[in-house]
C-alpha cells in the first residue's frame, strides 16, 4: 500500500490516492472527477536513526545536487 499525490490538469487540485499493489488505473481527481491527473513528487522529510533529532530531506528540485539549494530552499 502506497500513498501517492496526484495533481489534476483540469482544476489544479491535488489528491492523495492510496494505491494497492501496482494497479494505478482508474485514478481520478478527488475534487472535480477528471481523469487527467499526473503523479506529483514532493520532498520527503524523515528523522535520522541516530536519535539526535536531525532531519533530512530529498528534494524534487532539478538543480539540487545534494547541497543547499537557493531554488527550492532545501539545505
Protein backbone atom coordinates (compact mmCIF):
# COMPACT_ATOMS: atom_id res chain seq x y z
CA UNK A 1 0.00 0.00 0.00
CA UNK A 2 1.38 3.39 -1.06
CA UNK A 3 0.12 6.95 -0.66
CA UNK A 4 0.69 8.96 -3.85
CA UNK A 5 -0.20 12.58 -4.58
CA UNK A 6 -1.71 13.35 -7.98
CA UNK A 7 -2.28 16.82 -9.46
CA UNK A 8 -5.27 17.43 -11.71
CA UNK A 9 -4.52 19.05 -15.06
CA UNK A 10 -8.07 20.44 -15.26
CA UNK A 11 -8.70 22.08 -11.86
CA UNK A 12 -5.17 22.07 -10.37
CA UNK A 13 -6.32 20.20 -7.26
CA UNK A 14 -4.01 17.75 -5.52
CA UNK A 15 -5.42 14.45 -4.28
CA UNK A 16 -3.71 11.85 -2.12
CA UNK A 17 -4.53 8.39 -3.51
CA UNK A 18 -3.91 5.06 -1.76
CA UNK A 19 -2.54 2.53 -4.25
CA UNK A 20 -2.75 -1.17 -3.53
CA UNK A 21 -0.04 -3.05 -5.43
CA UNK A 22 0.89 -1.74 -8.86
CA UNK A 23 -2.66 -1.02 -10.02
CA UNK A 24 -2.88 2.69 -10.82
CA UNK A 25 -5.69 2.51 -13.38
CA UNK A 26 -8.90 4.46 -12.86
CA UNK A 27 -7.31 7.25 -10.85
CA UNK A 28 -9.29 10.47 -10.93
CA UNK A 29 -9.24 13.86 -9.26
CA UNK A 30 -10.89 13.89 -5.85
CA UNK A 31 -12.19 17.43 -6.43
CA UNK A 32 -13.57 17.52 -9.98
CA UNK A 33 -13.52 13.85 -11.05
CA UNK A 34 -11.27 14.39 -14.08
CA UNK A 35 -9.02 11.52 -15.12
CA UNK A 36 -6.33 13.97 -16.34
CA UNK A 37 -4.03 13.57 -13.34
CA UNK A 38 -0.24 13.36 -13.03
CA UNK A 39 1.81 11.95 -10.20
CA UNK A 40 3.41 14.64 -8.03
CA UNK A 41 6.81 14.12 -6.43
CA UNK A 42 7.18 16.14 -3.25
CA UNK A 43 10.12 16.43 -0.85
CA UNK A 44 10.10 13.76 1.85
CA UNK A 45 11.35 14.54 5.35
CA UNK A 46 12.32 11.92 7.87
CA UNK A 47 14.23 11.69 11.16
CA UNK A 48 17.62 10.04 11.16
CA UNK A 49 18.09 6.78 13.03
CA UNK A 50 20.85 8.24 15.22
CA UNK A 51 18.26 9.60 17.66
CA UNK A 52 19.79 13.06 17.52
CA UNK A 53 16.62 14.58 16.09
CA UNK A 54 18.31 15.59 12.87
CA UNK A 55 16.19 15.56 9.77
CA UNK A 56 16.99 15.03 6.15
CA UNK A 57 15.03 15.79 3.03
CA UNK A 58 15.00 14.51 -0.50
CA UNK A 59 14.32 17.32 -2.93
CA UNK A 60 12.44 17.24 -6.19
CA UNK A 61 14.31 20.30 -7.48
CA UNK A 62 16.19 19.51 -10.69
CA UNK A 63 19.02 21.95 -9.88
CA UNK A 64 19.88 20.44 -6.46
CA UNK A 65 22.90 18.18 -6.19
CA UNK A 66 22.89 17.19 -2.54
CA UNK A 67 23.96 20.55 -1.10
CA UNK A 68 21.97 23.62 -0.19
CA UNK A 69 19.73 24.99 -2.90
CA UNK A 70 18.52 28.55 -3.29
CA UNK A 71 15.95 27.46 -5.89
CA UNK A 72 13.84 25.17 -3.70
CA UNK A 73 15.14 26.20 -0.27
CA UNK A 74 16.48 22.81 0.78
CA UNK A 75 19.55 22.75 2.96
